[in-house]
C-alpha atoms as a PDB file:
ATOM      1  CA  UNK A   1      -8.496  14.850  -4.968  1.00  0.00           C
ATOM      2  CA  UNK A   2     -11.420  14.981  -2.607  1.00  0.00           C
ATOM      3  CA  UNK A   3     -13.069  11.580  -2.931  1.00  0.00           C
ATOM      4  CA  UNK A   4     -12.087   7.951  -2.481  1.00  0.00           C
ATOM      5  CA  UNK A   5      -9.941   8.090  -5.633  1.00  0.00           C
ATOM      6  CA  UNK A   6      -7.068   9.482  -3.542  1.00  0.00           C
ATOM      7  CA  UNK A   7      -7.117   6.534  -1.139  1.00  0.00           C
ATOM      8  CA  UNK A   8      -3.728   4.838  -1.588  1.00  0.00           C
ATOM      9  CA  UNK A   9      -3.260   1.187  -2.491  1.00  0.00           C
ATOM     10  CA  UNK A  10      -1.657   0.690   0.913  1.00  0.00           C
ATOM     11  CA  UNK A  11      -5.120   1.110   2.474  1.00  0.00           C
ATOM     12  CA  UNK A  12      -6.654  -2.246   3.378  1.00  0.00           C
ATOM     13  CA  UNK A  13     -10.151  -0.931   4.187  1.00  0.00           C
ATOM     14  CA  UNK A  14     -12.627  -2.640   1.835  1.00  0.00           C
ATOM     15  CA  UNK A  15     -13.614  -0.348  -1.038  1.00  0.00           C
ATOM     16  CA  UNK A  16     -17.292  -0.383  -0.108  1.00  0.00           C
ATOM     17  CA  UNK A  17     -16.449   0.859   3.416  1.00  0.00           C
ATOM     18  CA  UNK A  18     -14.259   3.762   2.267  1.00  0.00           C
ATOM     19  CA  UNK A  19     -17.122   6.273   1.708  1.00  0.00           C
ATOM     20  CA  UNK A  20     -18.423   5.515   5.206  1.00  0.00           C
ATOM     21  CA  UNK A  21     -14.999   6.154   6.722  1.00  0.00           C
ATOM     22  CA  UNK A  22     -14.656   9.412   4.784  1.00  0.00           C
ATOM     23  CA  UNK A  23     -18.042  10.446   6.166  1.00  0.00           C
ATOM     24  CA  UNK A  24     -16.762   9.735   9.686  1.00  0.00           C
ATOM     25  CA  UNK A  25     -13.725  11.943   9.055  1.00  0.00           C
ATOM     26  CA  UNK A  26     -15.949  14.684   7.626  1.00  0.00           C
ATOM     27  CA  UNK A  27     -18.172  14.507  10.725  1.00  0.00           C
ATOM     28  CA  UNK A  28     -15.119  14.804  12.983  1.00  0.00           C
ATOM     29  CA  UNK A  29     -13.738  17.669  10.896  1.00  0.00           C
ATOM     30  CA  UNK A  30     -17.080  19.476  11.210  1.00  0.00           C
ATOM     31  CA  UNK A  31     -16.539  19.731  14.984  1.00  0.00           C
ATOM     32  CA  UNK A  32     -13.241  21.653  14.676  1.00  0.00           C
ATOM     33  CA  UNK A  33     -12.957  24.673  16.933  1.00  0.00           C
ATOM     34  CA  UNK A  34     -10.245  26.303  14.796  1.00  0.00           C
ATOM     35  CA  UNK A  35      -9.013  26.054  11.233  1.00  0.00           C
ATOM     36  CA  UNK A  36      -6.618  23.151  10.634  1.00  0.00           C
ATOM     37  CA  UNK A  37      -2.944  24.002  11.051  1.00  0.00           C
ATOM     38  CA  UNK A  38      -0.328  22.579   8.696  1.00  0.00           C
ATOM     39  CA  UNK A  39       3.050  23.071  10.421  1.00  0.00           C
ATOM     40  CA  UNK A  40       4.796  21.351   7.515  1.00  0.00           C
ATOM     41  CA  UNK A  41       4.005  19.259   4.449  1.00  0.00           C
ATOM     42  CA  UNK A  42       3.939  16.015   6.417  1.00  0.00           C
ATOM     43  CA  UNK A  43       1.782  17.059   9.397  1.00  0.00           C
ATOM     44  CA  UNK A  44      -1.621  18.548  10.120  1.00  0.00           C
ATOM     45  CA  UNK A  45      -3.052  19.615  13.483  1.00  0.00           C
ATOM     46  CA  UNK A  46      -6.759  19.742  14.237  1.00  0.00           C
ATOM     47  CA  UNK A  47      -8.337  21.360  17.288  1.00  0.00           C
ATOM     48  CA  UNK A  48     -11.523  19.713  18.480  1.00  0.00           C
ATOM     49  CA  UNK A  49     -13.922  20.505  21.329  1.00  0.00           C
ATOM     50  CA  UNK A  50     -12.809  19.620  24.842  1.00  0.00           C
ATOM     51  CA  UNK A  51     -14.327  16.748  26.724  1.00  0.00           C
ATOM     52  CA  UNK A  52     -13.964  13.017  27.050  1.00  0.00           C
ATOM     53  CA  UNK A  53     -16.488  12.331  24.271  1.00  0.00           C
ATOM     54  CA  UNK A  54     -14.497  14.319  21.745  1.00  0.00           C
ATOM     55  CA  UNK A  55     -11.202  12.779  22.778  1.00  0.00           C
ATOM     56  CA  UNK A  56     -12.670   9.259  22.730  1.00  0.00           C
ATOM     57  CA  UNK A  57     -14.172   9.835  19.274  1.00  0.00           C
ATOM     58  CA  UNK A  58     -10.839  11.078  17.874  1.00  0.00           C
ATOM     59  CA  UNK A  59      -8.911   8.186  19.446  1.00  0.00           C
ATOM     60  CA  UNK A  60     -11.395   5.606  18.160  1.00  0.00           C
ATOM     61  CA  UNK A  61     -11.365   6.936  14.601  1.00  0.00           C
ATOM     62  CA  UNK A  62      -7.568   7.262  14.600  1.00  0.00           C
ATOM     63  CA  UNK A  63      -7.159   3.680  15.857  1.00  0.00           C
ATOM     64  CA  UNK A  64      -9.532   2.296  13.237  1.00  0.00           C
ATOM     65  CA  UNK A  65      -7.819   4.314  10.504  1.00  0.00           C
ATOM     66  CA  UNK A  66      -4.434   2.982  11.607  1.00  0.00           C
ATOM     67  CA  UNK A  67      -5.868  -0.511  11.257  1.00  0.00           C
ATOM     68  CA  UNK A  68      -6.195  -0.077   7.487  1.00  0.00           C
ATOM     69  CA  UNK A  69      -3.733   2.739   6.758  1.00  0.00           C
ATOM     70  CA  UNK A  70      -0.769   2.075   9.015  1.00  0.00           C
ATOM     71  CA  UNK A  71       1.275   4.812   7.310  1.00  0.00           C
ATOM     72  CA  UNK A  72      -0.582   7.457   9.356  1.00  0.00           C
ATOM     73  CA  UNK A  73       0.839   8.525  12.700  1.00  0.00           C
ATOM     74  CA  UNK A  74      -1.933   9.868  14.946  1.00  0.00           C
ATOM     75  CA  UNK A  75      -1.445  11.630  18.263  1.00  0.00           C
ATOM     76  CA  UNK A  76      -4.461  12.676  20.326  1.00  0.00           C
ATOM     77  CA  UNK A  77      -3.912  15.032  23.237  1.00  0.00           C
ATOM     78  CA  UNK A  78      -6.748  16.037  25.521  1.00  0.00           C
ATOM     79  CA  UNK A  79      -6.738  19.062  27.816  1.00  0.00           C
ATOM     80  CA  UNK A  80      -9.591  20.805  29.650  1.00  0.00           C
ATOM     81  CA  UNK A  81      -9.582  23.462  26.899  1.00  0.00           C
ATOM     82  CA  UNK A  82      -9.432  21.299  23.775  1.00  0.00           C
ATOM     83  CA  UNK A  83      -8.563  18.040  22.096  1.00  0.00           C
ATOM     84  CA  UNK A  84      -5.713  18.161  19.600  1.00  0.00           C
ATOM     85  CA  UNK A  85      -5.389  15.592  16.846  1.00  0.00           C
ATOM     86  CA  UNK A  86      -2.029  15.545  15.093  1.00  0.00           C
ATOM     87  CA  UNK A  87      -1.755  13.520  11.899  1.00  0.00           C
ATOM     88  CA  UNK A  88       1.609  12.826  10.278  1.00  0.00           C
ATOM     89  CA  UNK A  89       2.809  10.732   7.346  1.00  0.00           C
ATOM     90  CA  UNK A  90       6.072   9.900   5.625  1.00  0.00           C
ATOM     91  CA  UNK A  91       7.057  11.656   2.394  1.00  0.00           C
ATOM     92  CA  UNK A  92       5.611   8.888   0.217  1.00  0.00           C
ATOM     93  CA  UNK A  93       2.100   9.664   1.556  1.00  0.00           C
ATOM     94  CA  UNK A  94       2.204  13.467   1.480  1.00  0.00           C
ATOM     95  CA  UNK A  95      -0.478  13.508  -1.246  1.00  0.00           C
ATOM     96  CA  UNK A  96      -2.858  11.499   0.956  1.00  0.00           C
ATOM     97  CA  UNK A  97      -2.318  13.879   3.872  1.00  0.00           C
ATOM     98  CA  UNK A  98      -2.903  16.846   1.554  1.00  0.00           C
ATOM     99  CA  UNK A  99      -6.235  15.373   0.457  1.00  0.00           C
ATOM    100  CA  UNK A 100      -7.234  14.786   4.085  1.00  0.00           C
ATOM    101  CA  UNK A 101      -6.137  18.332   4.987  1.00  0.00           C
ATOM    102  CA  UNK A 102      -8.244  19.725   2.126  1.00  0.00           C
ATOM    103  CA  UNK A 103     -11.311  17.946   3.518  1.00  0.00           C
ATOM    104  CA  UNK A 104     -10.564  19.386   6.963  1.00  0.00           C
ATOM    105  CA  UNK A 105     -10.099  22.875   5.467  1.00  0.00           C
ATOM    106  CA  UNK A 106     -13.453  22.682   3.691  1.00  0.00           C
ATOM    107  CA  UNK A 107     -15.167  21.564   6.892  1.00  0.00           C
ATOM    108  CA  UNK A 108     -13.671  24.522   8.790  1.00  0.00           C
ATOM    109  CA  UNK A 109     -14.691  27.054   6.135  1.00  0.00           C
ATOM    110  CA  UNK A 110     -17.944  28.987   6.503  1.00  0.00           C
ATOM    111  CA  UNK A 111     -20.739  26.758   5.306  1.00  0.00           C
ATOM    112  CA  UNK A 112     -18.948  23.544   6.303  1.00  0.00           C
ATOM    113  CA  UNK A 113     -18.211  20.461   4.177  1.00  0.00           C
ATOM    114  CA  UNK A 114     -19.046  20.422   0.500  1.00  0.00           C
END
């Protein structure tokens, strides 16, 4: 599941906007400074470049995503060294998080998103 077909019914983002949102996530994932970390099945941690622009971008995208997919729990933490984006879900949305994590993994791999 790598395309919009994995978007759950609970998502209220209009169908025609979903590819654009996925592209925004892919663009954010492409800036990762380390491979995504999956501490457990219901959480993923992404490390992004430091700086206010990176933190603002992550916060904005997380807030907009929460507007249509309220089952996500986003935490953005900025430090002088990096910005950390933690994404968590409940058990019923583990498959959605896995699909998002797979996109992040592909973006972090040599050669970037595919």
